[in-house]
Amino acid sequence: VFGVEKLVLSKLYEEGSNKRIFNIDRHVGMAVAGLLADARSL
């Protein structure tokens, strides 16, 4: 089970955007902390 505290820095953000949990394969998930752009490339 993965859990992420995704901070909402602006009330104008759309809910569910800039996710910090990714699907890598059918059977693999990834949760990230740090710079989101770096995490996306990894």
PDB file of all heavy atoms in Angstrom:
ATOM      1  N   VAL A   1       0.858  -1.199   0.000  1.00  0.00           N
ATOM      2  CA  VAL A   1       0.000   0.000   0.000  1.00  0.00           C
ATOM      3  C   VAL A   1       0.885   1.237   0.000  1.00  0.00           C
ATOM      4  O   VAL A   1       1.830   1.334   0.791  1.00  0.00           O
ATOM      5  CB  VAL A   1      -0.945   0.034   1.226  1.00  0.00           C
ATOM      6  CG1 VAL A   1      -1.796   1.308   1.203  1.00  0.00           C
ATOM      7  CG2 VAL A   1      -1.845  -1.194   1.250  1.00  0.00           C
ATOM      8  N   PHE A   2       0.606   2.174  -0.921  1.00  0.00           N
ATOM      9  CA  PHE A   2       1.315   3.457  -0.987  1.00  0.00           C
ATOM     10  C   PHE A   2       0.412   4.571  -0.462  1.00  0.00           C
ATOM     11  O   PHE A   2      -0.794   4.567  -0.733  1.00  0.00           O
ATOM     12  CB  PHE A   2       1.675   3.826  -2.437  1.00  0.00           C
ATOM     13  CG  PHE A   2       2.699   2.933  -3.076  1.00  0.00           C
ATOM     14  CD1 PHE A   2       2.364   2.153  -4.173  1.00  0.00           C
ATOM     15  CD2 PHE A   2       3.990   2.900  -2.602  1.00  0.00           C
ATOM     16  CE1 PHE A   2       3.306   1.341  -4.782  1.00  0.00           C
ATOM     17  CE2 PHE A   2       4.951   2.094  -3.201  1.00  0.00           C
ATOM     18  CZ  PHE A   2       4.608   1.316  -4.292  1.00  0.00           C
ATOM     19  N   GLY A   3       1.013   5.518   0.233  1.00  0.00           N
ATOM     20  CA  GLY A   3       0.282   6.711   0.652  1.00  0.00           C
ATOM     21  C   GLY A   3       1.151   7.939   0.447  1.00  0.00           C
ATOM     22  O   GLY A   3       2.334   7.918   0.781  1.00  0.00           O
ATOM     23  N   VAL A   4       0.588   9.008  -0.118  1.00  0.00           N
ATOM     24  CA  VAL A   4       1.346  10.238  -0.375  1.00  0.00           C
ATOM     25  C   VAL A   4       0.553  11.442   0.120  1.00  0.00           C
ATOM     26  O   VAL A   4      -0.647  11.562  -0.143  1.00  0.00           O
ATOM     27  CB  VAL A   4       1.650  10.404  -1.883  1.00  0.00           C
ATOM     28  CG1 VAL A   4       2.356  11.729  -2.136  1.00  0.00           C
ATOM     29  CG2 VAL A   4       2.507   9.265  -2.395  1.00  0.00           C
ATOM     30  N   GLU A   5       1.262  12.328   0.847  1.00  0.00           N
ATOM     31  CA  GLU A   5       0.689  13.603   1.286  1.00  0.00           C
ATOM     32  C   GLU A   5       1.048  14.631   0.210  1.00  0.00           C
ATOM     33  O   GLU A   5       2.163  15.125   0.176  1.00  0.00           O
ATOM     34  CB  GLU A   5       1.318  13.970   2.642  1.00  0.00           C
ATOM     35  CG  GLU A   5       1.112  15.388   3.080  1.00  0.00           C
ATOM     36  CD  GLU A   5       2.251  15.936   3.934  1.00  0.00           C
ATOM     37  OE1 GLU A   5       3.406  15.512   3.770  1.00  0.00           O
ATOM     38  OE2 GLU A   5       1.982  16.804   4.757  1.00  0.00           O
ATOM     39  N   LYS A   6       0.105  14.887  -0.696  1.00  0.00           N
ATOM     40  CA  LYS A   6       0.381  15.832  -1.781  1.00  0.00           C
ATOM     41  C   LYS A   6      -0.087  17.222  -1.361  1.00  0.00           C
ATOM     42  O   LYS A   6      -1.289  17.482  -1.258  1.00  0.00           O
ATOM     43  CB  LYS A   6      -0.330  15.394  -3.063  1.00  0.00           C
ATOM     44  CG  LYS A   6       0.114  16.197  -4.282  1.00  0.00           C
ATOM     45  CD  LYS A   6      -0.611  15.743  -5.519  1.00  0.00           C
ATOM     46  CE  LYS A   6      -2.010  16.291  -5.553  1.00  0.00           C
ATOM     47  NZ  LYS A   6      -2.779  15.869  -6.710  1.00  0.00           N
ATOM     48  N   LEU A   7       0.889  18.097  -1.093  1.00  0.00           N
ATOM     49  CA  LEU A   7       0.547  19.438  -0.613  1.00  0.00           C
ATOM     50  C   LEU A   7      -0.125  20.253  -1.714  1.00  0.00           C
ATOM     51  O   LEU A   7       0.314  20.242  -2.865  1.00  0.00           O
ATOM     52  CB  LEU A   7       1.811  20.161  -0.136  1.00  0.00           C
ATOM     53  CG  LEU A   7       2.555  19.484   1.023  1.00  0.00           C
ATOM     54  CD1 LEU A   7       3.822  20.247   1.348  1.00  0.00           C
ATOM     55  CD2 LEU A   7       1.675  19.377   2.251  1.00  0.00           C
ATOM     56  N   VAL A   8      -1.206  20.947  -1.364  1.00  0.00           N
ATOM     57  CA  VAL A   8      -1.925  21.804  -2.313  1.00  0.00           C
ATOM     58  C   VAL A   8      -1.472  23.236  -2.067  1.00  0.00           C
ATOM     59  O   VAL A   8      -1.836  23.853  -1.066  1.00  0.00           O
ATOM     60  CB  VAL A   8      -3.450  21.663  -2.136  1.00  0.00           C
ATOM     61  CG1 VAL A   8      -4.183  22.577  -3.097  1.00  0.00           C
ATOM     62  CG2 VAL A   8      -3.879  20.221  -2.337  1.00  0.00           C
ATOM     63  N   LEU A   9      -0.641  23.747  -2.963  1.00  0.00           N
ATOM     64  CA  LEU A   9      -0.027  25.064  -2.761  1.00  0.00           C
ATOM     65  C   LEU A   9      -0.936  26.213  -3.192  1.00  0.00           C
ATOM     66  O   LEU A   9      -0.698  27.356  -2.848  1.00  0.00           O
ATOM     67  CB  LEU A   9       1.305  25.131  -3.512  1.00  0.00           C
ATOM     68  CG  LEU A   9       2.308  24.029  -3.136  1.00  0.00           C
ATOM     69  CD1 LEU A   9       3.539  24.120  -4.014  1.00  0.00           C
ATOM     70  CD2 LEU A   9       2.685  24.110  -1.677  1.00  0.00           C
ATOM     71  N   SER A  10      -1.969  25.903  -3.971  1.00  0.00           N
ATOM     72  CA  SER A  10      -2.893  26.946  -4.419  1.00  0.00           C
ATOM     73  C   SER A  10      -4.310  26.388  -4.460  1.00  0.00           C
ATOM     74  O   SER A  10      -4.520  25.242  -4.861  1.00  0.00           O
ATOM     75  CB  SER A  10      -2.487  27.432  -5.809  1.00  0.00           C
ATOM     76  OG  SER A  10      -3.523  28.193  -6.385  1.00  0.00           O
ATOM     77  N   LYS A  11      -5.268  27.214  -4.064  1.00  0.00           N
ATOM     78  CA  LYS A  11      -6.675  26.794  -4.111  1.00  0.00           C
ATOM     79  C   LYS A  11      -7.170  26.659  -5.548  1.00  0.00           C
ATOM     80  O   LYS A  11      -8.232  26.095  -5.796  1.00  0.00           O
ATOM     81  CB  LYS A  11      -7.541  27.812  -3.369  1.00  0.00           C
ATOM     82  CG  LYS A  11      -7.357  27.760  -1.861  1.00  0.00           C
ATOM     83  CD  LYS A  11      -8.219  28.800  -1.181  1.00  0.00           C
ATOM     84  CE  LYS A  11      -7.999  28.758   0.330  1.00  0.00           C
ATOM     85  NZ  LYS A  11      -8.739  29.831   1.023  1.00  0.00           N
ATOM     86  N   LEU A  12      -6.413  27.203  -6.493  1.00  0.00           N
ATOM     87  CA  LEU A  12      -6.836  27.188  -7.898  1.00  0.00           C
ATOM     88  C   LEU A  12      -6.448  25.896  -8.621  1.00  0.00           C
ATOM     89  O   LEU A  12      -6.849  25.681  -9.756  1.00  0.00           O
ATOM     90  CB  LEU A  12      -6.219  28.385  -8.630  1.00  0.00           C
ATOM     91  CG  LEU A  12      -6.560  29.764  -8.039  1.00  0.00           C
ATOM     92  CD1 LEU A  12      -5.824  30.856  -8.786  1.00  0.00           C
ATOM     93  CD2 LEU A  12      -8.061  30.012  -8.071  1.00  0.00           C
ATOM     94  N   TYR A  13      -5.648  25.053  -7.967  1.00  0.00           N
ATOM     95  CA  TYR A  13      -5.253  23.788  -8.606  1.00  0.00           C
ATOM     96  C   TYR A  13      -6.471  22.908  -8.850  1.00  0.00           C
ATOM     97  O   TYR A  13      -7.388  22.861  -8.028  1.00  0.00           O
ATOM     98  CB  TYR A  13      -4.289  23.011  -7.714  1.00  0.00           C
ATOM     99  CG  TYR A  13      -2.849  23.468  -7.749  1.00  0.00           C
ATOM    100  CD1 TYR A  13      -1.952  23.046  -6.784  1.00  0.00           C
ATOM    101  CD2 TYR A  13      -2.392  24.297  -8.762  1.00  0.00           C
ATOM    102  CE1 TYR A  13      -0.621  23.455  -6.802  1.00  0.00           C
ATOM    103  CE2 TYR A  13      -1.073  24.708  -8.790  1.00  0.00           C
ATOM    104  CZ  TYR A  13      -0.197  24.294  -7.811  1.00  0.00           C
ATOM    105  OH  TYR A  13       1.102  24.699  -7.843  1.00  0.00           O
ATOM    106  N   GLU A  14      -6.438  22.200  -9.960  1.00  0.00           N
ATOM    107  CA  GLU A  14      -7.484  21.209 -10.220  1.00  0.00           C
ATOM    108  C   GLU A  14      -7.215  19.980  -9.354  1.00  0.00           C
ATOM    109  O   GLU A  14      -6.066  19.531  -9.235  1.00  0.00           O
ATOM    110  CB  GLU A  14      -7.459  20.814 -11.697  1.00  0.00           C
ATOM    111  CG  GLU A  14      -8.595  19.902 -12.084  1.00  0.00           C
ATOM    112  CD  GLU A  14      -8.547  19.496 -13.557  1.00  0.00           C
ATOM    113  OE1 GLU A  14      -7.839  20.150 -14.328  1.00  0.00           O
ATOM    114  OE2 GLU A  14      -9.207  18.520 -13.899  1.00  0.00           O
ATOM    115  N   GLU A  15      -8.259  19.437  -8.773  1.00  0.00           N
ATOM    116  CA  GLU A  15      -8.093  18.267  -7.900  1.00  0.00           C
ATOM    117  C   GLU A  15      -7.570  17.068  -8.704  1.00  0.00           C
ATOM    118  O   GLU A  15      -8.029  16.801  -9.813  1.00  0.00           O
ATOM    119  CB  GLU A  15      -9.445  17.906  -7.253  1.00  0.00           C
ATOM    120  CG  GLU A  15      -9.324  16.882  -6.151  1.00  0.00           C
ATOM    121  CD  GLU A  15     -10.660  16.542  -5.513  1.00  0.00           C
ATOM    122  OE1 GLU A  15     -11.598  17.367  -5.632  1.00  0.00           O
ATOM    123  OE2 GLU A  15     -10.762  15.475  -4.922  1.00  0.00           O
ATOM    124  N   GLY A  16      -6.580  16.389  -8.157  1.00  0.00           N
ATOM    125  CA  GLY A  16      -6.028  15.198  -8.830  1.00  0.00           C
ATOM    126  C   GLY A  16      -4.892  15.483  -9.792  1.00  0.00           C
ATOM    127  O   GLY A  16      -4.346  14.561 -10.403  1.00  0.00           O
ATOM    128  N   SER A  17      -4.513  16.762  -9.964  1.00  0.00           N
ATOM    129  CA  SER A  17      -3.402  17.059 -10.874  1.00  0.00           C
ATOM    130  C   SER A  17      -2.065  16.885 -10.144  1.00  0.00           C
ATOM    131  O   SER A  17      -2.008  16.847  -8.919  1.00  0.00           O
ATOM    132  CB  SER A  17      -3.527  18.490 -11.408  1.00  0.00           C
ATOM    133  OG  SER A  17      -3.529  19.403 -10.340  1.00  0.00           O
ATOM    134  N   ASN A  18      -0.984  16.797 -10.935  1.00  0.00           N
ATOM    135  CA  ASN A  18       0.372  16.638 -10.389  1.00  0.00           C
ATOM    136  C   ASN A  18       0.483  15.474  -9.408  1.00  0.00           C
ATOM    137  O   ASN A  18       0.949  15.624  -8.283  1.00  0.00           O
ATOM    138  CB  ASN A  18       0.850  17.927  -9.696  1.00  0.00           C
ATOM    139  CG  ASN A  18       1.062  19.047 -10.691  1.00  0.00           C
ATOM    140  OD1 ASN A  18       1.449  18.793 -11.832  1.00  0.00           O
ATOM    141  ND2 ASN A  18       0.804  20.269 -10.281  1.00  0.00           N
ATOM    142  N   LYS A  19       0.060  14.324  -9.847  1.00  0.00           N
ATOM    143  CA  LYS A  19       0.077  13.142  -8.984  1.00  0.00           C
ATOM    144  C   LYS A  19       1.500  12.740  -8.614  1.00  0.00           C
ATOM    145  O   LYS A  19       2.426  12.927  -9.396  1.00  0.00           O
ATOM    146  CB  LYS A  19      -0.616  11.963  -9.684  1.00  0.00           C
ATOM    147  CG  LYS A  19      -2.116  12.116  -9.752  1.00  0.00           C
ATOM    148  CD  LYS A  19      -2.794  10.807 -10.139  1.00  0.00           C
ATOM    149  CE  LYS A  19      -4.297  10.929 -10.084  1.00  0.00           C
ATOM    150  NZ  LYS A  19      -4.818  11.257  -8.765  1.00  0.00           N
ATOM    151  N   ARG A  20       1.651  12.176  -7.427  1.00  0.00           N
ATOM    152  CA  ARG A  20       2.954  11.700  -6.962  1.00  0.00           C
ATOM    153  C   ARG A  20       2.998  10.176  -6.877  1.00  0.00           C
ATOM    154  O   ARG A  20       3.932   9.602  -6.316  1.00  0.00           O
ATOM    155  CB  ARG A  20       3.291  12.324  -5.602  1.00  0.00           C
ATOM    156  CG  ARG A  20       3.660  13.793  -5.725  1.00  0.00           C
ATOM    157  CD  ARG A  20       4.147  14.399  -4.439  1.00  0.00           C
ATOM    158  NE  ARG A  20       4.670  15.735  -4.675  1.00  0.00           N
ATOM    159  CZ  ARG A  20       5.948  16.014  -4.913  1.00  0.00           C
ATOM    160  NH1 ARG A  20       6.835  15.050  -4.954  1.00  0.00           N
ATOM    161  NH2 ARG A  20       6.338  17.255  -5.102  1.00  0.00           N
ATOM    162  N   ILE A  21       1.958   9.514  -7.403  1.00  0.00           N
ATOM    163  CA  ILE A  21       1.967   8.048  -7.520  1.00  0.00           C
ATOM    164  C   ILE A  21       1.840   7.699  -8.990  1.00  0.00           C
ATOM    165  O   ILE A  21       0.958   8.211  -9.682  1.00  0.00           O
ATOM    166  CB  ILE A  21       0.816   7.419  -6.700  1.00  0.00           C
ATOM    167  CG1 ILE A  21       1.091   7.581  -5.191  1.00  0.00           C
ATOM    168  CG2 ILE A  21       0.658   5.943  -7.039  1.00  0.00           C
ATOM    169  CD1 ILE A  21       0.009   7.029  -4.296  1.00  0.00           C
ATOM    170  N   PHE A  22       2.746   6.839  -9.480  1.00  0.00           N
ATOM    171  CA  PHE A  22       2.789   6.498 -10.908  1.00  0.00           C
ATOM    172  C   PHE A  22       2.603   4.991 -11.123  1.00  0.00           C
ATOM    173  O   PHE A  22       3.004   4.185 -10.283  1.00  0.00           O
ATOM    174  CB  PHE A  22       4.147   6.890 -11.519  1.00  0.00           C
ATOM    175  CG  PHE A  22       4.467   8.353 -11.410  1.00  0.00           C
ATOM    176  CD1 PHE A  22       5.313   8.818 -10.420  1.00  0.00           C
ATOM    177  CD2 PHE A  22       3.927   9.266 -12.300  1.00  0.00           C
ATOM    178  CE1 PHE A  22       5.622  10.165 -10.314  1.00  0.00           C
ATOM    179  CE2 PHE A  22       4.227  10.623 -12.208  1.00  0.00           C
ATOM    180  CZ  PHE A  22       5.076  11.067 -11.208  1.00  0.00           C
ATOM    181  N   ASN A  23       2.032   4.666 -12.263  1.00  0.00           N
ATOM    182  CA  ASN A  23       2.007   3.283 -12.731  1.00  0.00           C
ATOM    183  C   ASN A  23       3.261   3.037 -13.559  1.00  0.00           C
ATOM    184  O   ASN A  23       3.512   3.770 -14.519  1.00  0.00           O
ATOM    185  CB  ASN A  23       0.782   3.056 -13.630  1.00  0.00           C
ATOM    186  CG  ASN A  23      -0.251   2.184 -12.969  1.00  0.00           C
ATOM    187  OD1 ASN A  23       0.057   1.402 -12.075  1.00  0.00           O
ATOM    188  ND2 ASN A  23      -1.487   2.318 -13.403  1.00  0.00           N
ATOM    189  N   ILE A  24       4.047   2.032 -13.214  1.00  0.00           N
ATOM    190  CA  ILE A  24       5.259   1.728 -13.971  1.00  0.00           C
ATOM    191  C   ILE A  24       5.010   0.560 -14.911  1.00  0.00           C
ATOM    192  O   ILE A  24       5.417   0.553 -16.062  1.00  0.00           O
ATOM    193  CB  ILE A  24       6.432   1.407 -13.012  1.00  0.00           C
ATOM    194  CG1 ILE A  24       6.699   2.607 -12.093  1.00  0.00           C
ATOM    195  CG2 ILE A  24       7.693   1.022 -13.794  1.00  0.00           C
ATOM    196  CD1 ILE A  24       6.992   3.912 -12.800  1.00  0.00           C
ATOM    197  N   ASP A  25       4.345  -0.455 -14.397  1.00  0.00           N
ATOM    198  CA  ASP A  25       3.965  -1.622 -15.204  1.00  0.00           C
ATOM    199  C   ASP A  25       2.641  -2.109 -14.631  1.00  0.00           C
ATOM    200  O   ASP A  25       2.156  -1.573 -13.639  1.00  0.00           O
ATOM    201  CB  ASP A  25       5.068  -2.690 -15.095  1.00  0.00           C
ATOM    202  CG  ASP A  25       5.025  -3.689 -16.249  1.00  0.00           C
ATOM    203  OD1 ASP A  25       4.045  -3.647 -17.024  1.00  0.00           O
ATOM    204  OD2 ASP A  25       5.947  -4.498 -16.377  1.00  0.00           O
ATOM    205  N   ARG A  26       2.081  -3.164 -15.231  1.00  0.00           N
ATOM    206  CA  ARG A  26       0.810  -3.679 -14.712  1.00  0.00           C
ATOM    207  C   ARG A  26       0.909  -4.002 -13.225  1.00  0.00           C
ATOM    208  O   ARG A  26      -0.021  -3.768 -12.466  1.00  0.00           O
ATOM    209  CB  ARG A  26       0.420  -4.958 -15.470  1.00  0.00           C
ATOM    210  CG  ARG A  26       0.015  -4.708 -16.912  1.00  0.00           C
ATOM    211  CD  ARG A  26      -0.360  -5.993 -17.603  1.00  0.00           C
ATOM    212  NE  ARG A  26       0.766  -6.918 -17.686  1.00  0.00           N
ATOM    213  CZ  ARG A  26       0.904  -7.839 -18.645  1.00  0.00           C
ATOM    214  NH1 ARG A  26      -0.011  -7.951 -19.576  1.00  0.00           N
ATOM    215  NH2 ARG A  26       1.941  -8.646 -18.667  1.00  0.00           N
ATOM    216  N   HIS A  27       2.062  -4.556 -12.815  1.00  0.00           N
ATOM    217  CA  HIS A  27       2.224  -5.064 -11.446  1.00  0.00           C
ATOM    218  C   HIS A  27       3.117  -4.186 -10.570  1.00  0.00           C
ATOM    219  O   HIS A  27       3.440  -4.557  -9.448  1.00  0.00           O
ATOM    220  CB  HIS A  27       2.816  -6.479 -11.504  1.00  0.00           C
ATOM    221  CG  HIS A  27       4.228  -6.519 -12.025  1.00  0.00           C
ATOM    222  ND1 HIS A  27       4.560  -6.015 -13.258  1.00  0.00           N
ATOM    223  CD2 HIS A  27       5.379  -6.963 -11.470  1.00  0.00           C
ATOM    224  CE1 HIS A  27       5.869  -6.173 -13.441  1.00  0.00           C
ATOM    225  NE2 HIS A  27       6.385  -6.741 -12.369  1.00  0.00           N
ATOM    226  N   VAL A  28       3.553  -3.017 -11.085  1.00  0.00           N
ATOM    227  CA  VAL A  28       4.507  -2.164 -10.347  1.00  0.00           C
ATOM    228  C   VAL A  28       3.968  -0.742 -10.193  1.00  0.00           C
ATOM    229  O   VAL A  28       3.510  -0.142 -11.165  1.00  0.00           O
ATOM    230  CB  VAL A  28       5.881  -2.096 -11.061  1.00  0.00           C
ATOM    231  CG1 VAL A  28       6.858  -1.239 -10.260  1.00  0.00           C
ATOM    232  CG2 VAL A  28       6.466  -3.484 -11.276  1.00  0.00           C
ATOM    233  N   GLY A  29       4.056  -0.221  -8.956  1.00  0.00           N
ATOM    234  CA  GLY A  29       3.688   1.168  -8.683  1.00  0.00           C
ATOM    235  C   GLY A  29       4.873   1.923  -8.103  1.00  0.00           C
ATOM    236  O   GLY A  29       5.818   1.320  -7.594  1.00  0.00           O
ATOM    237  N   MET A  30       4.817   3.257  -8.200  1.00  0.00           N
ATOM    238  CA  MET A  30       5.904   4.105  -7.698  1.00  0.00           C
ATOM    239  C   MET A  30       5.310   5.302  -6.952  1.00  0.00           C
ATOM    240  O   MET A  30       4.404   5.956  -7.455  1.00  0.00           O
ATOM    241  CB  MET A  30       6.753   4.600  -8.882  1.00  0.00           C
ATOM    242  CG  MET A  30       7.864   5.569  -8.504  1.00  0.00           C
ATOM    243  SD  MET A  30       8.519   6.439  -9.948  1.00  0.00           S
ATOM    244  CE  MET A  30       9.918   5.441 -10.376  1.00  0.00           C
ATOM    245  N   ALA A  31       5.836   5.565  -5.735  1.00  0.00           N
ATOM    246  CA  ALA A  31       5.485   6.771  -4.980  1.00  0.00           C
ATOM    247  C   ALA A  31       6.751   7.604  -4.846  1.00  0.00           C
ATOM    248  O   ALA A  31       7.821   7.060  -4.577  1.00  0.00           O
ATOM    249  CB  ALA A  31       4.934   6.400  -3.608  1.00  0.00           C
ATOM    250  N   VAL A  32       6.634   8.928  -5.023  1.00  0.00           N
ATOM    251  CA  VAL A  32       7.839   9.765  -5.103  1.00  0.00           C
ATOM    252  C   VAL A  32       7.783  10.927  -4.111  1.00  0.00           C
ATOM    253  O   VAL A  32       6.714  11.376  -3.710  1.00  0.00           O
ATOM    254  CB  VAL A  32       8.041  10.332  -6.537  1.00  0.00           C
ATOM    255  CG1 VAL A  32       8.091   9.216  -7.544  1.00  0.00           C
ATOM    256  CG2 VAL A  32       6.957  11.337  -6.900  1.00  0.00           C
ATOM    257  N   ALA A  33       8.994  11.395  -3.749  1.00  0.00           N
ATOM    258  CA  ALA A  33       9.148  12.624  -2.964  1.00  0.00           C
ATOM    259  C   ALA A  33      10.325  13.387  -3.543  1.00  0.00           C
ATOM    260  O   ALA A  33      11.305  12.785  -3.977  1.00  0.00           O
ATOM    261  CB  ALA A  33       9.387  12.295  -1.494  1.00  0.00           C
ATOM    262  N   GLY A  34      10.236  14.706  -3.562  1.00  0.00           N
ATOM    263  CA  GLY A  34      11.313  15.518  -4.136  1.00  0.00           C
ATOM    264  C   GLY A  34      10.800  16.333  -5.311  1.00  0.00           C
ATOM    265  O   GLY A  34       9.619  16.679  -5.376  1.00  0.00           O
ATOM    266  N   LEU A  35      11.688  16.616  -6.251  1.00  0.00           N
ATOM    267  CA  LEU A  35      11.308  17.410  -7.427  1.00  0.00           C
ATOM    268  C   LEU A  35      10.461  16.549  -8.368  1.00  0.00           C
ATOM    269  O   LEU A  35      10.920  15.509  -8.851  1.00  0.00           O
ATOM    270  CB  LEU A  35      12.559  17.903  -8.156  1.00  0.00           C
ATOM    271  CG  LEU A  35      13.524  18.777  -7.342  1.00  0.00           C
ATOM    272  CD1 LEU A  35      14.719  19.174  -8.192  1.00  0.00           C
ATOM    273  CD2 LEU A  35      12.823  20.024  -6.823  1.00  0.00           C
ATOM    274  N   LEU A  36       9.247  17.006  -8.621  1.00  0.00           N
ATOM    275  CA  LEU A  36       8.298  16.192  -9.384  1.00  0.00           C
ATOM    276  C   LEU A  36       8.743  15.972 -10.826  1.00  0.00           C
ATOM    277  O   LEU A  36       8.545  14.904 -11.390  1.00  0.00           O
ATOM    278  CB  LEU A  36       6.911  16.841  -9.334  1.00  0.00           C
ATOM    279  CG  LEU A  36       5.742  15.988  -9.821  1.00  0.00           C
ATOM    280  CD1 LEU A  36       5.698  14.634  -9.134  1.00  0.00           C
ATOM    281  CD2 LEU A  36       4.427  16.726  -9.609  1.00  0.00           C
ATOM    282  N   ALA A  37       9.370  16.986 -11.446  1.00  0.00           N
ATOM    283  CA  ALA A  37       9.826  16.841 -12.834  1.00  0.00           C
ATOM    284  C   ALA A  37      10.903  15.755 -12.941  1.00  0.00           C
ATOM    285  O   ALA A  37      10.904  14.958 -13.879  1.00  0.00           O
ATOM    286  CB  ALA A  37      10.370  18.176 -13.345  1.00  0.00           C
ATOM    287  N   ASP A  38      11.827  15.714 -11.963  1.00  0.00           N
ATOM    288  CA  ASP A  38      12.852  14.665 -11.932  1.00  0.00           C
ATOM    289  C   ASP A  38      12.196  13.300 -11.757  1.00  0.00           C
ATOM    290  O   ASP A  38      12.591  12.312 -12.390  1.00  0.00           O
ATOM    291  CB  ASP A  38      13.827  14.907 -10.770  1.00  0.00           C
ATOM    292  CG  ASP A  38      14.816  16.023 -11.067  1.00  0.00           C
ATOM    293  OD1 ASP A  38      14.575  16.767 -12.040  1.00  0.00           O
ATOM    294  OD2 ASP A  38      15.808  16.152 -10.341  1.00  0.00           O
ATOM    295  N   ALA A  39      11.195  13.243 -10.875  1.00  0.00           N
ATOM    296  CA  ALA A  39      10.511  11.977 -10.604  1.00  0.00           C
ATOM    297  C   ALA A  39       9.802  11.458 -11.852  1.00  0.00           C
ATOM    298  O   ALA A  39       9.822  10.257 -12.132  1.00  0.00           O
ATOM    299  CB  ALA A  39       9.505  12.169  -9.475  1.00  0.00           C
ATOM    300  N   ARG A  40       9.195  12.377 -12.611  1.00  0.00           N
ATOM    301  CA  ARG A  40       8.492  11.962 -13.834  1.00  0.00           C
ATOM    302  C   ARG A  40       9.463  11.346 -14.843  1.00  0.00           C
ATOM    303  O   ARG A  40       9.149  10.364 -15.512  1.00  0.00           O
ATOM    304  CB  ARG A  40       7.786  13.164 -14.471  1.00  0.00           C
ATOM    305  CG  ARG A  40       6.481  13.512 -13.784  1.00  0.00           C
ATOM    306  CD  ARG A  40       5.613  14.355 -14.715  1.00  0.00           C
ATOM    307  NE  ARG A  40       4.451  14.856 -13.988  1.00  0.00           N
ATOM    308  CZ  ARG A  40       4.212  16.139 -13.755  1.00  0.00           C
ATOM    309  NH1 ARG A  40       5.058  17.060 -14.167  1.00  0.00           N
ATOM    310  NH2 ARG A  40       3.146  16.515 -13.102  1.00  0.00           N
ATOM    311  N   SER A  41      10.643  11.949 -14.961  1.00  0.00           N
ATOM    312  CA  SER A  41      11.602  11.414 -15.937  1.00  0.00           C
ATOM    313  C   SER A  41      12.108  10.041 -15.483  1.00  0.00           C
ATOM    314  O   SER A  41      12.324   9.149 -16.307  1.00  0.00           O
ATOM    315  CB  SER A  41      12.765  12.383 -16.170  1.00  0.00           C
ATOM    316  OG  SER A  41      13.728  12.269 -15.173  1.00  0.00           O
ATOM    317  N   LEU A  42      12.260   9.836 -14.167  1.00  0.00           N
ATOM    318  CA  LEU A  42      12.674   8.518 -13.671  1.00  0.00           C
ATOM    319  C   LEU A  42      11.546   7.486 -13.812  1.00  0.00           C
ATOM    320  O   LEU A  42      11.805   6.305 -14.044  1.00  0.00           O
ATOM    321  CB  LEU A  42      13.122   8.610 -12.210  1.00  0.00           C
ATOM    322  CG  LEU A  42      14.490   9.257 -11.995  1.00  0.00           C
ATOM    323  CD1 LEU A  42      14.785   9.407 -10.517  1.00  0.00           C
ATOM    324  CD2 LEU A  42      15.590   8.449 -12.666  1.00  0.00           C
TER     325      LEU A  42
END
